[in-house]
C-alpha atoms as a PDB file:
ATOM      1  CA  UNK A   1      52.457  -5.431  43.127  1.00  0.00           C
ATOM      2  CA  UNK A   2      53.887  -4.577  46.507  1.00  0.00           C
ATOM      3  CA  UNK A   3      52.463  -2.498  49.309  1.00  0.00           C
ATOM      4  CA  UNK A   4      52.653   1.228  49.028  1.00  0.00           C
ATOM      5  CA  UNK A   5      55.687   2.446  50.901  1.00  0.00           C
ATOM      6  CA  UNK A   6      57.118   5.747  49.185  1.00  0.00           C
ATOM      7  CA  UNK A   7      55.999   9.160  50.146  1.00  0.00           C
ATOM      8  CA  UNK A   8      54.730  10.002  46.756  1.00  0.00           C
ATOM      9  CA  UNK A   9      52.701   6.960  46.710  1.00  0.00           C
ATOM     10  CA  UNK A  10      51.076   7.780  50.011  1.00  0.00           C
ATOM     11  CA  UNK A  11      50.069  11.105  48.717  1.00  0.00           C
ATOM     12  CA  UNK A  12      48.367   9.512  45.665  1.00  0.00           C
ATOM     13  CA  UNK A  13      46.828   6.899  47.798  1.00  0.00           C
ATOM     14  CA  UNK A  14      45.390   9.363  50.233  1.00  0.00           C
ATOM     15  CA  UNK A  15      43.943  11.438  47.202  1.00  0.00           C
ATOM     16  CA  UNK A  16      42.404   8.180  45.704  1.00  0.00           C
ATOM     17  CA  UNK A  17      40.759   7.310  49.099  1.00  0.00           C
ATOM     18  CA  UNK A  18      39.406  10.845  49.597  1.00  0.00           C
ATOM     19  CA  UNK A  19      38.008  11.177  46.064  1.00  0.00           C
ATOM     20  CA  UNK A  20      36.644   7.643  46.183  1.00  0.00           C
ATOM     21  CA  UNK A  21      34.722   8.666  49.465  1.00  0.00           C
ATOM     22  CA  UNK A  22      33.377  11.840  47.726  1.00  0.00           C
ATOM     23  CA  UNK A  23      32.402   9.946  44.678  1.00  0.00           C
ATOM     24  CA  UNK A  24      30.525   7.324  46.791  1.00  0.00           C
ATOM     25  CA  UNK A  25      28.715  10.131  48.562  1.00  0.00           C
ATOM     26  CA  UNK A  26      27.835  11.500  45.183  1.00  0.00           C
ATOM     27  CA  UNK A  27      26.597   8.084  44.011  1.00  0.00           C
ATOM     28  CA  UNK A  28      24.214   7.842  47.143  1.00  0.00           C
ATOM     29  CA  UNK A  29      22.984  11.372  46.451  1.00  0.00           C
ATOM     30  CA  UNK A  30      22.264  10.346  42.888  1.00  0.00           C
ATOM     31  CA  UNK A  31      20.449   7.243  44.136  1.00  0.00           C
ATOM     32  CA  UNK A  32      18.459   9.298  46.656  1.00  0.00           C
ATOM     33  CA  UNK A  33      17.199  11.591  43.905  1.00  0.00           C
ATOM     34  CA  UNK A  34      16.219   8.510  41.936  1.00  0.00           C
ATOM     35  CA  UNK A  35      14.009   7.299  44.760  1.00  0.00           C
ATOM     36  CA  UNK A  36      16.241   4.888  46.629  1.00  0.00           C
ATOM     37  CA  UNK A  37      14.787   1.307  46.493  1.00  0.00           C
ATOM     38  CA  UNK A  38      12.131   2.437  43.802  1.00  0.00           C
ATOM     39  CA  UNK A  39      15.037   3.292  41.415  1.00  0.00           C
ATOM     40  CA  UNK A  40      16.178   1.126  38.521  1.00  0.00           C
ATOM     41  CA  UNK A  41      17.843  -2.083  39.891  1.00  0.00           C
ATOM     42  CA  UNK A  42      21.003  -1.228  37.812  1.00  0.00           C
ATOM     43  CA  UNK A  43      21.405   2.045  39.642  1.00  0.00           C
ATOM     44  CA  UNK A  44      21.118   0.240  42.927  1.00  0.00           C
ATOM     45  CA  UNK A  45      23.686  -2.530  41.965  1.00  0.00           C
ATOM     46  CA  UNK A  46      26.150   0.034  40.526  1.00  0.00           C
ATOM     47  CA  UNK A  47      25.884   2.142  43.712  1.00  0.00           C
ATOM     48  CA  UNK A  48      26.422  -0.846  45.919  1.00  0.00           C
ATOM     49  CA  UNK A  49      29.408  -1.764  43.667  1.00  0.00           C
ATOM     50  CA  UNK A  50      30.681   1.769  44.262  1.00  0.00           C
ATOM     51  CA  UNK A  51      30.373   1.345  48.090  1.00  0.00           C
ATOM     52  CA  UNK A  52      32.377  -1.905  47.900  1.00  0.00           C
ATOM     53  CA  UNK A  53      34.989  -0.018  45.906  1.00  0.00           C
ATOM     54  CA  UNK A  54      35.316   2.519  48.646  1.00  0.00           C
ATOM     55  CA  UNK A  55      35.719  -0.217  51.194  1.00  0.00           C
ATOM     56  CA  UNK A  56      38.371  -1.930  49.016  1.00  0.00           C
ATOM     57  CA  UNK A  57      40.224   1.355  48.542  1.00  0.00           C
ATOM     58  CA  UNK A  58      40.369   2.181  52.219  1.00  0.00           C
ATOM     59  CA  UNK A  59      41.154  -1.463  53.305  1.00  0.00           C
ATOM     60  CA  UNK A  60      43.776  -2.408  50.722  1.00  0.00           C
ATOM     61  CA  UNK A  61      47.342  -1.529  51.055  1.00  0.00           C
ATOM     62  CA  UNK A  62      48.325  -3.013  47.798  1.00  0.00           C
ATOM     63  CA  UNK A  63      48.351  -1.139  44.520  1.00  0.00           C
ATOM     64  CA  UNK A  64      46.114  -3.619  42.775  1.00  0.00           C
ATOM     65  CA  UNK A  65      43.436  -3.362  45.489  1.00  0.00           C
ATOM     66  CA  UNK A  66      43.540   0.436  45.359  1.00  0.00           C
ATOM     67  CA  UNK A  67      43.117   0.371  41.554  1.00  0.00           C
ATOM     68  CA  UNK A  68      40.242  -2.122  41.714  1.00  0.00           C
ATOM     69  CA  UNK A  69      38.507   0.016  44.360  1.00  0.00           C
ATOM     70  CA  UNK A  70      38.994   3.143  42.306  1.00  0.00           C
ATOM     71  CA  UNK A  71      37.479   1.300  39.234  1.00  0.00           C
ATOM     72  CA  UNK A  72      34.457   0.052  41.158  1.00  0.00           C
ATOM     73  CA  UNK A  73      33.831   3.466  42.580  1.00  0.00           C
ATOM     74  CA  UNK A  74      33.990   4.954  39.049  1.00  0.00           C
ATOM     75  CA  UNK A  75      31.238   2.612  37.760  1.00  0.00           C
ATOM     76  CA  UNK A  76      28.820   3.948  40.253  1.00  0.00           C
ATOM     77  CA  UNK A  77      26.286   6.475  38.859  1.00  0.00           C
ATOM     78  CA  UNK A  78      27.153  10.003  39.646  1.00  0.00           C
ATOM     79  CA  UNK A  79      26.111  13.582  39.481  1.00  0.00           C
ATOM     80  CA  UNK A  80      29.647  15.028  39.050  1.00  0.00           C
ATOM     81  CA  UNK A  81      31.218  12.920  36.430  1.00  0.00           C
ATOM     82  CA  UNK A  82      34.635  14.802  36.536  1.00  0.00           C
ATOM     83  CA  UNK A  83      35.251  13.060  39.873  1.00  0.00           C
ATOM     84  CA  UNK A  84      35.171   9.777  38.127  1.00  0.00           C
ATOM     85  CA  UNK A  85      37.833  11.004  35.595  1.00  0.00           C
ATOM     86  CA  UNK A  86      40.055  12.319  38.423  1.00  0.00           C
ATOM     87  CA  UNK A  87      39.727   9.115  40.289  1.00  0.00           C
ATOM     88  CA  UNK A  88      40.835   7.003  37.222  1.00  0.00           C
ATOM     89  CA  UNK A  89      43.679   9.437  36.546  1.00  0.00           C
ATOM     90  CA  UNK A  90      44.870   9.123  40.132  1.00  0.00           C
ATOM     91  CA  UNK A  91      44.746   5.315  39.901  1.00  0.00           C
ATOM     92  CA  UNK A  92      46.633   5.414  36.583  1.00  0.00           C
ATOM     93  CA  UNK A  93      49.329   7.703  38.151  1.00  0.00           C
ATOM     94  CA  UNK A  94      49.807   5.265  41.058  1.00  0.00           C
ATOM     95  CA  UNK A  95      50.335   2.296  38.684  1.00  0.00           C
ATOM     96  CA  UNK A  96      52.723   4.347  36.431  1.00  0.00           C
ATOM     97  CA  UNK A  97      54.671   5.496  39.453  1.00  0.00           C
ATOM     98  CA  UNK A  98      55.012   1.956  40.629  1.00  0.00           C
ATOM     99  CA  UNK A  99      56.003   0.578  37.361  1.00  0.00           C
ATOM    100  CA  UNK A 100      58.696   3.318  36.740  1.00  0.00           C
ATOM    101  CA  UNK A 101      60.075   2.661  40.229  1.00  0.00           C
ATOM    102  CA  UNK A 102      60.201  -1.133  39.686  1.00  0.00           C
ATOM    103  CA  UNK A 103      61.950  -0.542  36.343  1.00  0.00           C
ATOM    104  CA  UNK A 104      64.537   1.793  37.918  1.00  0.00           C
ATOM    105  CA  UNK A 105      65.137  -0.979  40.718  1.00  0.00           C
ATOM    106  CA  UNK A 106      65.590  -3.758  38.011  1.00  0.00           C
ATOM    107  CA  UNK A 107      67.877  -1.489  36.041  1.00  0.00           C
ATOM    108  CA  UNK A 108      69.990  -0.745  39.113  1.00  0.00           C
ATOM    109  CA  UNK A 109      70.070  -4.416  40.021  1.00  0.00           C
ATOM    110  CA  UNK A 110      71.386  -5.492  36.596  1.00  0.00           C
ATOM    111  CA  UNK A 111      73.883  -2.805  36.631  1.00  0.00           C
ATOM    112  CA  UNK A 112      75.169  -4.001  39.916  1.00  0.00           C
ATOM    113  CA  UNK A 113      75.567  -7.441  38.608  1.00  0.00           C
ATOM    114  CA  UNK A 114      77.655  -6.368  35.610  1.00  0.00           C
END
């Protein structure tokens, strides 16, 4: 998938990045209440995965990178789980917007050839 260039995409991408950051802070808070390095190793690994997801979401300009970053953040343990659902919904919205736009472009190109 190509880089995000449309105005609507930029709004959704900004929302993904902000919610991913808040979700990562939530995961770190969850880990802190679990005792940091004394916590279950799975919690530590999932939290680190969430932090990597935030980095991917902020660095990537491609749709696939943003979606992968959002999914990585979503698997991190959290206190407020509706943020995870919101993050997945935003990622799905971005994918659908890109797919619809690509379909319209193909339709317009095929109509121009006919």
